[in-house]
Structure formats: structure tokens, C-alpha cells
Amino acid sequence: MQTRNPLLNDFAELMTDAFAAAQAAGDEARTAMRAQAEKFVAHMDLVPREEFEAVKAVAASARAEVEALEQRIAVLEAAAAPKPVARKAPAKKAAAKKTTRKSS
């Protein structure tokens, strides 16, 4: 009586080889797709995530600096604004002169 069937051994070897070939083909397809995706990204002028985050941080700090400078300008403008001068006396004299001319 035979303990091993040569037909089953051949079939097992064939399936092992087929599985290895399929796995290699899958890895090759994955590599090719990754290369195509990188080529597409380079063609579209997209930025990497790290560069985007760096620019985002710079923009946030610039925005904070602009807000601080706007507040400082507002304070300086308020301090430099001319104070209103009281001119009540000349206005009364001019009104008195107008009424005397009309009555004449």
C-alpha cells in the first residue's frame, strides 16, 4: 500500500507555485500602481503633506503677528488723534453780528 499519492503531491506543488506566482504578480501590480500614483501626483503639482503642514504653520503665525500689529496700530492712532478744540466764543460773536445786520 502506498502512503503518498504522486498525483496529489504534483497538484500540491502546482498550487504552491501558482500561489507564489500570484503573490509575486500582486506585489508587482502594487508597485506599478504606486509608481503611477506618484507620477500622477507629480504631474498635478500636488504638495506633500509635510510641506502643506509647514506652510500652514507659517501662515498661522503670520496671521497672529498681523492681528497683534493691527491692535498696536489702533492704539497708536488713538494716542496720536488730535483733541477737539472748544470754539464757542467765536461762534457766538458771528451769530450776534448776523442778527444786527438783519435788523438794520
Protein backbone atom coordinates (compact mmCIF):
# COMPACT_ATOMS: atom_id res chain seq x y z
CA MET A 1 0.00 0.00 0.00
CA GLN A 2 1.25 3.45 -0.94
CA THR A 3 1.34 6.16 1.72
CA ARG A 4 1.78 9.07 -0.67
CA ASN A 5 -0.10 9.70 -3.86
CA PRO A 6 2.18 11.21 -6.57
CA LEU A 7 -0.81 12.89 -8.21
CA LEU A 8 -1.67 14.78 -5.02
CA ASN A 9 1.99 15.71 -4.50
CA ASP A 10 2.19 17.14 -8.01
CA PHE A 11 -1.08 19.01 -7.50
CA ALA A 12 0.15 20.47 -4.18
CA GLU A 13 3.41 21.61 -5.77
CA LEU A 14 1.49 23.16 -8.66
CA MET A 15 -0.80 25.05 -6.29
CA THR A 16 2.16 26.25 -4.20
CA ASP A 17 3.88 27.54 -7.31
CA ALA A 18 0.66 29.16 -8.54
CA PHE A 19 0.14 30.87 -5.18
CA ALA A 20 3.72 32.17 -5.18
CA ALA A 21 3.30 33.43 -8.76
CA ALA A 22 0.01 35.14 -7.86
CA GLN A 23 1.60 36.77 -4.83
CA ALA A 24 4.54 37.99 -6.90
CA ALA A 25 2.15 39.34 -9.54
CA GLY A 26 0.18 41.14 -6.83
CA ASP A 27 3.35 42.71 -5.43
CA GLU A 28 4.40 43.78 -8.92
CA ALA A 29 0.96 45.25 -9.63
CA ARG A 30 1.06 47.14 -6.31
CA THR A 31 4.49 48.55 -7.15
CA ALA A 32 3.34 49.58 -10.63
CA MET A 33 0.21 51.27 -9.24
CA ARG A 34 2.27 53.14 -6.64
CA ALA A 35 4.62 54.37 -9.36
CA GLN A 36 1.66 55.51 -11.48
CA ALA A 37 0.10 57.30 -8.50
CA GLU A 38 3.38 59.09 -7.72
CA LYS A 39 3.70 60.08 -11.38
CA PHE A 40 0.13 61.43 -11.34
CA VAL A 41 0.76 63.44 -8.16
CA ALA A 42 3.96 64.88 -9.62
CA HIS A 43 2.14 65.80 -12.83
CA MET A 44 -0.68 67.52 -10.91
CA ASP A 45 1.80 69.64 -8.87
CA LEU A 46 0.34 68.44 -5.57
CA VAL A 47 2.33 69.12 -2.43
CA PRO A 48 3.37 66.53 0.12
CA ARG A 49 1.56 66.55 3.46
CA GLU A 50 4.67 67.62 5.38
CA GLU A 51 5.16 70.68 3.17
CA PHE A 52 1.49 71.60 3.49
CA GLU A 53 1.63 71.41 7.28
CA ALA A 54 4.80 73.56 7.35
CA VAL A 55 3.19 76.28 5.21
CA LYS A 56 0.03 76.09 7.30
CA ALA A 57 2.05 76.73 10.48
CA VAL A 58 3.85 79.68 8.88
CA ALA A 59 0.53 81.18 7.75
CA ALA A 60 -0.95 80.81 11.24
CA SER A 61 1.99 82.59 12.85
CA ALA A 62 1.85 85.35 10.22
CA ARG A 63 -1.88 85.81 10.89
CA ALA A 64 -1.25 86.12 14.64
CA GLU A 65 1.50 88.67 14.01
CA VAL A 66 -0.76 90.71 11.72
CA GLU A 67 -3.50 90.78 14.36
CA ALA A 68 -1.02 91.95 17.01
CA LEU A 69 0.28 94.68 14.70
CA GLU A 70 -3.29 95.82 13.89
CA GLN A 71 -4.02 96.19 17.59
CA ARG A 72 -0.78 98.12 18.10
CA ILE A 73 -1.62 100.48 15.21
CA ALA A 74 -5.09 101.09 16.63
CA VAL A 75 -3.58 102.05 20.00
CA LEU A 76 -1.02 104.36 18.38
CA GLU A 77 -3.64 106.02 16.18
CA ALA A 78 -5.88 106.60 19.17
CA ALA A 79 -3.00 108.18 21.08
CA ALA A 80 -1.99 110.40 18.15
CA ALA A 81 -5.53 111.58 17.28
CA PRO A 82 -5.92 115.38 17.64
CA LYS A 83 -8.07 116.51 20.55
CA PRO A 84 -11.10 118.67 19.64
CA VAL A 85 -10.65 122.38 20.41
CA ALA A 86 -13.51 124.35 22.00
CA ARG A 87 -14.60 127.27 19.73
CA LYS A 88 -17.72 128.52 21.44
CA ALA A 89 -16.74 132.18 21.75
CA PRO A 90 -16.08 132.95 18.05
CA ALA A 91 -19.30 131.22 17.02
CA LYS A 92 -21.42 133.46 19.33
CA LYS A 93 -19.85 136.65 18.00
CA ALA A 94 -20.56 135.69 14.42
CA ALA A 95 -24.20 134.91 15.26
CA ALA A 96 -24.59 138.26 17.05
CA LYS A 97 -23.21 140.14 14.01
CA LYS A 98 -25.70 138.40 11.69
CA THR A 99 -28.70 139.39 13.80
CA THR A 100 -27.61 143.06 13.97
CA ARG A 101 -27.20 143.29 10.21
CA LYS A 102 -30.68 141.87 9.53
CA SER A 103 -32.37 144.34 11.89
CA SER A 104 -30.78 147.35 10.17
